[in-house]
Amino acid sequence: MASRTVSTLKFVGSISLGLLTGLSYTLSTLTLPTLLTLPTASSASKAFTNLTVLSLAHIRTLASISSGSFLLAYILSPRSQKHPYLLWTTLFVASSGCTEYFLRFAVAEKAAVGARKNNVRRDKKGKGRQMDASYEVLGAASDRESEGTASGEEMEEDVNGEEVRQQMEGFMMTQVARTVVAGIGFAMSVVGIWGDGAADLVIIEM
């Protein structure tokens, strides 16, 4: 009974880890590059926000299921079958679920550099608007048209395209790192489970 429970836990952990690896790979190679091609910054920002919330929820759920299954499989295994690969796989799965925390400093530094560049550009735009406002040549209709244009530009500045791109690229880098870490753990689990099956076969034949 215990061996069947351990086998089930290993199977559930491997399947969950495989789904986690596939999800991270799909996000980094298909979904995020597609979002980068959206025509407007506002639509890209909304889509990226929804994608981030949903994907992180699924990633953390799969990571919790996989790591918990492998850890329980190690605890419930008999002393002669407590293989170290179960603990190593658990460690890799837990690391893949927390990749964004490990890469937060690198992404934050890159975003800070981009923010400084955007502030310089906004300062230049503000000075240009002040110079334009000093000329009182246009009529009332032209004034209303210029006010509409300025308000439209301010709306675009609220959702800056470069900032959205930097956030997407940082999230993409995180998913690439998560794919690598989770892939190593998945390969380790497959090899370990195959080794367990081969060992059981040898014992039965003997």
Protein backbone atom coordinates (compact mmCIF):
# COMPACT_ATOMS: atom_id res chain seq x y z
CA MET A 1 0.00 0.00 0.00
CA ALA A 2 2.79 2.42 0.90
CA SER A 3 4.69 1.66 -2.30
CA ARG A 4 1.58 2.35 -4.36
CA THR A 5 1.09 5.68 -2.61
CA VAL A 6 4.71 6.63 -3.19
CA SER A 7 4.44 5.70 -6.88
CA THR A 8 1.29 7.81 -7.22
CA LEU A 9 2.99 10.79 -5.58
CA LYS A 10 5.97 10.48 -7.91
CA PHE A 11 3.65 10.32 -10.91
CA VAL A 12 1.67 13.37 -9.81
CA GLY A 13 4.86 15.30 -9.09
CA SER A 14 6.35 14.49 -12.48
CA ILE A 15 3.19 15.42 -14.39
CA SER A 16 2.84 18.70 -12.48
CA LEU A 17 6.49 19.51 -13.07
CA GLY A 18 6.14 18.75 -16.78
CA LEU A 19 3.14 21.08 -17.00
CA LEU A 20 5.09 23.77 -15.15
CA THR A 21 8.01 23.47 -17.55
CA GLY A 22 5.71 23.59 -20.59
CA LEU A 23 3.83 26.62 -19.26
CA SER A 24 7.02 28.59 -18.65
CA TYR A 25 8.39 27.63 -22.07
CA THR A 26 5.16 28.70 -23.80
CA LEU A 27 5.13 32.04 -21.99
CA SER A 28 8.74 32.84 -22.88
CA THR A 29 8.68 31.72 -26.53
CA LEU A 30 5.11 32.31 -27.76
CA THR A 31 2.88 34.41 -25.54
CA LEU A 32 5.16 37.27 -24.47
CA PRO A 33 6.72 37.83 -27.93
CA THR A 34 3.18 38.07 -29.31
CA LEU A 35 2.21 40.68 -26.71
CA LEU A 36 5.22 42.76 -27.74
CA THR A 37 3.70 43.15 -31.22
CA LEU A 38 0.47 44.80 -30.00
CA PRO A 39 -0.08 48.22 -31.62
CA THR A 40 -0.75 50.34 -28.51
CA ALA A 41 0.89 50.52 -25.10
CA SER A 42 -2.45 50.56 -23.25
CA SER A 43 -3.67 47.31 -24.84
CA ALA A 44 -0.29 45.66 -24.26
CA SER A 45 -0.29 46.79 -20.62
CA LYS A 46 -3.78 45.41 -19.95
CA ALA A 47 -3.01 42.10 -21.64
CA PHE A 48 0.31 41.78 -19.80
CA THR A 49 -1.31 42.51 -16.43
CA ASN A 50 -3.97 39.84 -16.95
CA LEU A 51 -1.38 37.37 -18.22
CA THR A 52 0.90 37.98 -15.23
CA VAL A 53 -1.84 37.42 -12.66
CA LEU A 54 -3.18 34.23 -14.26
CA SER A 55 0.17 32.70 -15.18
CA LEU A 56 1.75 33.26 -11.76
CA ALA A 57 -1.30 31.71 -10.08
CA HIS A 58 -1.00 28.58 -12.23
CA ILE A 59 2.79 28.43 -11.88
CA ARG A 60 2.70 28.61 -8.10
CA THR A 61 -0.09 26.04 -7.93
CA LEU A 62 1.82 23.57 -10.12
CA ALA A 63 5.06 24.21 -8.22
CA SER A 64 3.33 23.60 -4.88
CA ILE A 65 1.71 20.37 -6.07
CA SER A 66 4.93 19.05 -7.61
CA SER A 67 7.26 19.93 -4.74
CA GLY A 68 4.77 18.66 -2.16
CA SER A 69 4.32 15.38 -4.00
CA PHE A 70 8.05 14.69 -4.27
CA LEU A 71 8.65 15.65 -0.65
CA LEU A 72 5.86 13.38 0.57
CA ALA A 73 7.16 10.59 -1.66
CA TYR A 74 10.56 10.89 0.01
CA ILE A 75 9.06 10.94 3.51
CA LEU A 76 6.77 7.97 2.90
CA SER A 77 9.35 5.86 1.09
CA PRO A 78 10.98 2.98 2.98
CA ARG A 79 14.45 3.65 4.27
CA SER A 80 16.03 1.55 1.52
CA GLN A 81 14.19 3.57 -1.17
CA LYS A 82 14.77 7.11 0.08
CA HIS A 83 16.60 8.24 -3.04
CA PRO A 84 18.28 11.67 -2.97
CA TYR A 85 16.86 12.64 -6.36
CA LEU A 86 13.48 13.22 -4.69
CA LEU A 87 14.96 15.92 -2.48
CA TRP A 88 16.96 17.44 -5.32
CA THR A 89 13.87 17.54 -7.53
CA THR A 90 11.92 19.18 -4.72
CA LEU A 91 14.64 21.81 -4.41
CA PHE A 92 14.64 22.55 -8.15
CA VAL A 93 10.84 22.81 -8.23
CA ALA A 94 10.78 25.18 -5.26
CA SER A 95 13.52 27.28 -6.89
CA SER A 96 11.61 27.47 -10.17
CA GLY A 97 8.53 28.71 -8.31
CA CYS A 98 10.54 31.55 -6.74
CA THR A 99 12.59 32.58 -9.77
CA GLU A 100 11.04 36.05 -9.98
CA TYR A 101 12.31 36.82 -6.45
CA PHE A 102 15.85 35.80 -7.36
CA LEU A 103 15.88 37.92 -10.53
CA ARG A 104 14.04 40.89 -9.02
CA PHE A 105 17.21 42.94 -8.50
CA ALA A 106 18.43 42.52 -12.07
CA VAL A 107 15.01 43.40 -13.50
CA ALA A 108 14.61 46.35 -11.11
CA GLU A 109 17.99 47.77 -12.10
CA LYS A 110 17.10 47.54 -15.79
CA ALA A 111 13.74 49.18 -15.16
CA ALA A 112 15.41 52.01 -13.20
CA VAL A 113 17.71 52.80 -16.11
CA GLY A 114 14.74 52.91 -18.47
CA ALA A 115 12.79 55.13 -16.06
CA ARG A 116 15.63 57.66 -15.94
CA LYS A 117 15.65 57.84 -19.74
CA ASN A 118 11.88 58.34 -19.82
CA ASN A 119 12.09 61.14 -17.25
CA VAL A 120 14.67 62.95 -19.37
CA ARG A 121 12.41 62.69 -22.42
CA ARG A 122 9.38 63.93 -20.47
CA ASP A 123 11.35 66.92 -19.20
CA LYS A 124 12.25 67.79 -22.78
CA LYS A 125 8.59 67.51 -23.83
CA GLY A 126 7.54 69.70 -20.90
CA LYS A 127 9.99 72.43 -21.89
CA GLY A 128 8.78 72.28 -25.47
CA ARG A 129 5.17 72.71 -24.39
CA GLN A 130 6.08 75.72 -22.27
CA MET A 131 7.74 77.38 -25.26
CA ASP A 132 4.72 76.67 -27.44
CA ALA A 133 2.39 78.09 -24.81
CA SER A 134 4.31 81.39 -24.83
CA TYR A 135 3.19 82.17 -28.36
CA GLU A 136 -0.35 83.61 -28.47
CA VAL A 137 -0.97 83.48 -32.17
CA LEU A 138 -3.58 80.78 -32.58
CA GLY A 139 -7.31 81.43 -32.38
CA ALA A 140 -9.88 79.88 -30.09
CA ALA A 141 -10.47 76.88 -32.38
CA SER A 142 -6.76 76.17 -32.60
CA ASP A 143 -6.51 76.45 -28.82
CA ARG A 144 -9.20 73.82 -28.32
CA GLU A 145 -7.50 71.54 -30.83
CA SER A 146 -4.13 71.90 -29.13
CA GLU A 147 -5.68 71.17 -25.73
CA GLY A 148 -7.20 67.96 -27.11
CA THR A 149 -3.85 66.94 -28.54
CA ALA A 150 -2.07 67.64 -25.24
CA SER A 151 -4.59 65.63 -23.28
CA GLY A 152 -4.18 62.74 -25.72
CA GLU A 153 -0.41 62.86 -25.29
CA GLU A 154 -0.80 62.86 -21.51
CA MET A 155 -2.99 59.75 -21.74
CA GLU A 156 -0.30 58.01 -23.79
CA GLU A 157 2.35 59.07 -21.28
CA ASP A 158 0.36 57.44 -18.47
CA VAL A 159 1.00 54.09 -20.20
CA ASN A 160 4.53 54.42 -21.50
CA GLY A 161 5.36 51.91 -24.19
CA GLU A 162 9.01 51.58 -23.21
CA GLU A 163 8.15 50.85 -19.59
CA VAL A 164 5.67 48.18 -20.66
CA ARG A 165 8.28 46.64 -22.95
CA GLN A 166 10.85 46.58 -20.16
CA GLN A 167 8.39 44.87 -17.82
CA MET A 168 7.59 42.26 -20.47
CA GLU A 169 11.25 41.62 -21.21
CA GLY A 170 11.99 41.23 -17.50
CA PHE A 171 9.09 38.79 -17.12
CA MET A 172 10.30 36.93 -20.20
CA MET A 173 13.78 36.60 -18.73
CA THR A 174 12.24 35.22 -15.56
CA GLN A 175 10.28 32.63 -17.54
CA VAL A 176 13.39 31.55 -19.43
CA ALA A 177 15.23 30.99 -16.15
CA ARG A 178 12.22 29.15 -14.72
CA THR A 179 12.07 26.91 -17.81
CA VAL A 180 15.72 25.95 -17.41
CA VAL A 181 15.44 25.22 -13.67
CA ALA A 182 12.14 23.34 -13.99
CA GLY A 183 13.46 21.43 -17.02
CA ILE A 184 16.46 20.21 -15.05
CA GLY A 185 14.18 19.09 -12.24
CA PHE A 186 11.82 17.36 -14.68
CA ALA A 187 14.68 15.48 -16.36
CA MET A 188 16.00 14.45 -12.95
CA SER A 189 12.58 13.14 -11.90
CA VAL A 190 12.12 11.14 -15.10
CA VAL A 191 15.54 9.55 -14.81
CA GLY A 192 14.99 8.84 -11.11
CA ILE A 193 11.59 7.24 -11.66
CA TRP A 194 13.00 5.16 -14.50
CA GLY A 195 15.83 4.07 -12.21
CA ASP A 196 13.34 3.09 -9.51
CA GLY A 197 11.43 0.96 -12.01
CA ALA A 198 14.59 -0.71 -13.27
CA ALA A 199 15.70 -1.45 -9.71
CA ASP A 200 12.31 -3.00 -8.88
CA LEU A 201 12.52 -5.14 -12.02
CA VAL A 202 15.95 -6.42 -11.03
CA ILE A 203 14.70 -7.27 -7.55
CA ILE A 204 11.69 -9.16 -8.95
CA GLU A 205 13.86 -11.17 -11.35
CA MET A 206 16.29 -12.07 -8.61
